[in-house]
Amino acid sequence: MTDTSARVGSGRFLTFTLNGEAYAVDIFHVLEILEYRNLTVVPMMPAFIRGVINLRGRAVPVIDLAIRFDRGATTIRHRTTIIIVHLDDIGLEDGDGGSQDIGILVDSVNKVVELTEDDIEPAPSFGSGIRADYISGMARRDGDFLILLDVGQVLSISEMVSLSNAARAGGQTVEPTESPEGP
């Protein structure tokens, strides 16, 4: 395993909440932030692909990070948000680097924070509750830790294709949960 802490430097990070934990992604990858909207469910996809949205004429897949992190489906509430991220060089099987816009479903978006290299600590090797290769570092902000995600790893197209193929073979599905009340 490579040292992911070397990949994280100072910069601006979008913070969000997922299952009561604070996460952040480098703002460089964020295209836009959308209020939750109904998704078009695509049959035979792995459970963490909740569906697709039409974004200016393009079908954009929406990934439920809670399911991706094996924490159960995100409950849809009034603050549920879709963060649209852009990934370059997604490593398509045909050798073309390619790029892809992907939506990530989160409980709520908080704010953009500026982090310096001194604010960022190396990713823990254990104990975070999610795969270590998904974490590019940790930062302390407002008395709490932020888990800095490596979106390239979390949203690895080749891994998601493999999981999608496995889901088709096994019929894995998930039912969305909705809650009319707020968080």
Protein backbone atom coordinates (compact mmCIF):
# COMPACT_ATOMS: atom_id res chain seq x y z
CA MET A 1 0.00 0.00 0.00
CA THR A 2 1.25 3.46 -0.83
CA ASP A 3 1.51 6.34 1.62
CA THR A 4 -1.60 8.36 0.76
CA SER A 5 -0.67 11.23 3.06
CA ALA A 6 1.83 12.43 0.45
CA ARG A 7 -1.04 13.06 -1.98
CA VAL A 8 -2.76 15.60 0.24
CA GLY A 9 -1.51 19.13 0.48
CA SER A 10 -2.96 22.40 1.58
CA GLY A 11 -6.07 23.63 -0.11
CA ARG A 12 -9.80 24.08 0.10
CA PHE A 13 -12.00 21.17 1.06
CA LEU A 14 -15.78 20.74 0.96
CA THR A 15 -17.00 19.29 4.25
CA PHE A 16 -20.07 17.12 4.61
CA THR A 17 -21.76 14.78 7.06
CA LEU A 18 -22.45 11.10 6.59
CA ASN A 19 -23.94 9.00 9.40
CA GLY A 20 -22.93 11.61 11.97
CA GLU A 21 -19.27 11.71 10.88
CA ALA A 22 -17.51 14.65 9.23
CA TYR A 23 -15.81 14.09 5.87
CA ALA A 24 -14.16 16.34 3.31
CA VAL A 25 -13.16 16.19 -0.34
CA ASP A 26 -10.74 18.43 -2.20
CA ILE A 27 -12.80 21.22 -3.78
CA PHE A 28 -10.77 20.71 -6.97
CA HIS A 29 -12.97 17.68 -7.77
CA VAL A 30 -16.33 19.32 -6.92
CA LEU A 31 -18.39 20.62 -9.85
CA GLU A 32 -21.58 21.49 -8.03
CA ILE A 33 -23.83 20.78 -5.08
CA LEU A 34 -27.46 19.82 -5.65
CA GLU A 35 -30.46 19.38 -3.41
CA TYR A 36 -31.58 15.78 -3.41
CA ARG A 37 -33.88 14.98 -6.31
CA ASN A 38 -35.58 11.80 -7.36
CA LEU A 39 -33.23 9.35 -9.00
CA THR A 40 -33.90 7.06 -11.93
CA VAL A 41 -33.15 3.56 -10.67
CA VAL A 42 -31.04 1.45 -13.02
CA PRO A 43 -31.77 -2.28 -12.69
CA MET A 44 -29.02 -4.76 -11.89
CA MET A 45 -26.61 -2.24 -10.39
CA PRO A 46 -24.80 -2.76 -7.10
CA ALA A 47 -26.65 -1.42 -4.07
CA PHE A 48 -24.39 1.63 -3.64
CA ILE A 49 -25.39 2.97 -7.08
CA ARG A 50 -28.70 4.49 -6.05
CA GLY A 51 -29.55 5.61 -9.60
CA VAL A 52 -28.84 8.34 -12.13
CA ILE A 53 -29.88 11.96 -12.49
CA ASN A 54 -30.26 14.01 -15.64
CA LEU A 55 -27.73 16.81 -15.38
CA ARG A 56 -28.10 19.13 -18.36
CA GLY A 57 -28.80 16.24 -20.71
CA ARG A 58 -26.21 13.85 -19.28
CA ALA A 59 -26.94 10.78 -17.17
CA VAL A 60 -24.83 11.07 -14.01
CA PRO A 61 -24.63 8.06 -11.69
CA VAL A 62 -25.29 8.75 -8.00
CA ILE A 63 -23.35 6.74 -5.43
CA ASP A 64 -24.62 6.36 -1.86
CA LEU A 65 -21.43 6.76 0.19
CA ALA A 66 -23.05 5.23 3.26
CA ILE A 67 -23.64 1.98 1.36
CA ARG A 68 -20.20 2.21 -0.25
CA PHE A 69 -18.74 2.38 3.27
CA ASP A 70 -20.94 -0.56 4.37
CA ARG A 71 -23.05 1.60 6.71
CA GLY A 72 -26.53 0.99 5.26
CA ALA A 73 -28.55 3.21 2.94
CA THR A 74 -28.72 6.97 3.43
CA THR A 75 -32.10 8.07 4.77
CA ILE A 76 -33.44 10.84 2.52
CA ARG A 77 -34.20 13.98 4.52
CA HIS A 78 -34.61 17.66 3.73
CA ARG A 79 -30.82 18.31 3.96
CA THR A 80 -29.78 15.27 1.90
CA THR A 81 -27.46 16.48 -0.84
CA ILE A 82 -25.85 15.24 -4.03
CA ILE A 83 -22.28 16.43 -4.57
CA ILE A 84 -21.26 16.25 -8.23
CA VAL A 85 -17.56 15.44 -8.58
CA HIS A 86 -15.43 15.19 -11.70
CA LEU A 87 -12.79 12.50 -12.05
CA ASP A 88 -10.11 12.54 -14.73
CA ASP A 89 -8.13 9.51 -15.88
CA ILE A 90 -10.59 6.99 -14.53
CA GLY A 91 -8.68 4.07 -16.02
CA LEU A 92 -11.17 2.56 -18.40
CA GLU A 93 -10.49 -1.02 -19.47
CA ASP A 94 -9.99 -0.02 -23.12
CA GLY A 95 -6.88 1.95 -22.12
CA ASP A 96 -8.54 5.34 -22.59
CA GLY A 97 -8.00 7.40 -19.43
CA GLY A 98 -11.41 9.02 -19.79
CA SER A 99 -13.26 11.22 -17.33
CA GLN A 100 -16.57 10.92 -15.51
CA ASP A 101 -18.91 13.06 -13.47
CA ILE A 102 -20.34 11.18 -10.49
CA GLY A 103 -22.85 12.23 -7.85
CA ILE A 104 -22.25 11.29 -4.24
CA LEU A 105 -25.21 11.15 -1.88
CA VAL A 106 -24.52 12.56 1.60
CA ASP A 107 -26.60 13.55 4.63
CA SER A 108 -25.69 17.23 4.39
CA VAL A 109 -23.06 19.62 3.08
CA ASN A 110 -21.51 21.91 5.67
CA LYS A 111 -18.95 24.39 4.36
CA VAL A 112 -15.68 24.88 2.50
CA VAL A 113 -12.62 24.99 4.75
CA GLU A 114 -9.05 26.01 4.06
CA LEU A 115 -6.49 23.48 5.31
CA THR A 116 -2.74 23.86 5.47
CA GLU A 117 -0.28 20.99 5.28
CA ASP A 118 0.20 21.41 9.06
CA ASP A 119 -3.55 20.78 9.58
CA ILE A 120 -3.41 17.43 7.78
CA GLU A 121 -2.25 14.24 9.44
CA PRO A 122 -1.53 10.92 7.71
CA ALA A 123 -4.40 8.52 7.20
CA PRO A 124 -4.79 6.02 10.04
CA SER A 125 -3.88 2.45 9.18
CA PHE A 126 -6.81 1.10 11.22
CA GLY A 127 -9.80 2.10 13.31
CA SER A 128 -11.56 4.54 10.98
CA GLY A 129 -14.38 2.18 10.02
CA ILE A 130 -13.76 2.56 6.27
CA ARG A 131 -11.07 1.16 4.03
CA ALA A 132 -7.70 2.83 4.63
CA ASP A 133 -7.11 3.38 0.90
CA TYR A 134 -10.25 5.57 0.79
CA ILE A 135 -8.67 8.04 3.24
CA SER A 136 -6.04 10.51 2.11
CA GLY A 137 -5.60 12.11 5.53
CA MET A 138 -7.22 13.45 8.68
CA ALA A 139 -7.61 17.05 9.78
CA ARG A 140 -8.74 18.58 13.06
CA ARG A 141 -11.31 21.33 12.60
CA ASP A 142 -13.55 22.95 15.23
CA GLY A 143 -12.53 20.30 17.79
CA ASP A 144 -13.48 17.36 15.59
CA PHE A 145 -11.64 15.25 13.06
CA LEU A 146 -12.42 15.50 9.37
CA ILE A 147 -11.82 12.39 7.31
CA LEU A 148 -10.28 13.54 4.02
CA LEU A 149 -11.45 11.20 1.28
CA ASP A 150 -9.47 10.17 -1.77
CA VAL A 151 -12.32 10.44 -4.30
CA GLY A 152 -10.28 8.62 -6.94
CA GLN A 153 -10.15 5.56 -4.67
CA VAL A 154 -13.67 5.79 -3.25
CA LEU A 155 -15.14 6.20 -6.74
CA SER A 156 -12.75 3.87 -8.58
CA ILE A 157 -14.52 3.04 -11.84
CA SER A 158 -12.73 -0.29 -12.32
CA GLU A 159 -13.69 -1.42 -8.82
CA MET A 160 -17.29 -0.28 -9.27
CA VAL A 161 -17.51 -2.14 -12.60
CA SER A 162 -16.31 -5.31 -10.86
CA LEU A 163 -18.87 -4.84 -8.09
CA SER A 164 -21.57 -4.11 -10.67
CA ASN A 165 -20.80 -7.36 -12.47
CA ALA A 166 -20.93 -9.23 -9.16
CA ALA A 167 -24.27 -7.59 -8.33
CA ARG A 168 -25.71 -8.65 -11.69
CA ALA A 169 -24.63 -12.20 -11.00
CA GLY A 170 -26.03 -12.16 -7.45
CA GLY A 171 -29.05 -9.84 -7.80
CA GLN A 172 -27.95 -7.44 -5.02
CA THR A 173 -30.43 -4.58 -4.54
CA VAL A 174 -31.28 -1.91 -1.96
CA GLU A 175 -34.50 -0.12 -1.19
CA PRO A 176 -34.17 3.63 -0.56
CA THR A 177 -35.32 4.84 2.83
CA GLU A 178 -37.11 8.15 3.13
CA SER A 179 -37.87 10.23 6.18
CA PRO A 180 -40.24 13.20 6.06
CA GLU A 181 -38.69 14.82 9.12
CA GLY A 182 -35.40 16.66 9.20
CA PRO A 183 -32.12 15.46 10.69
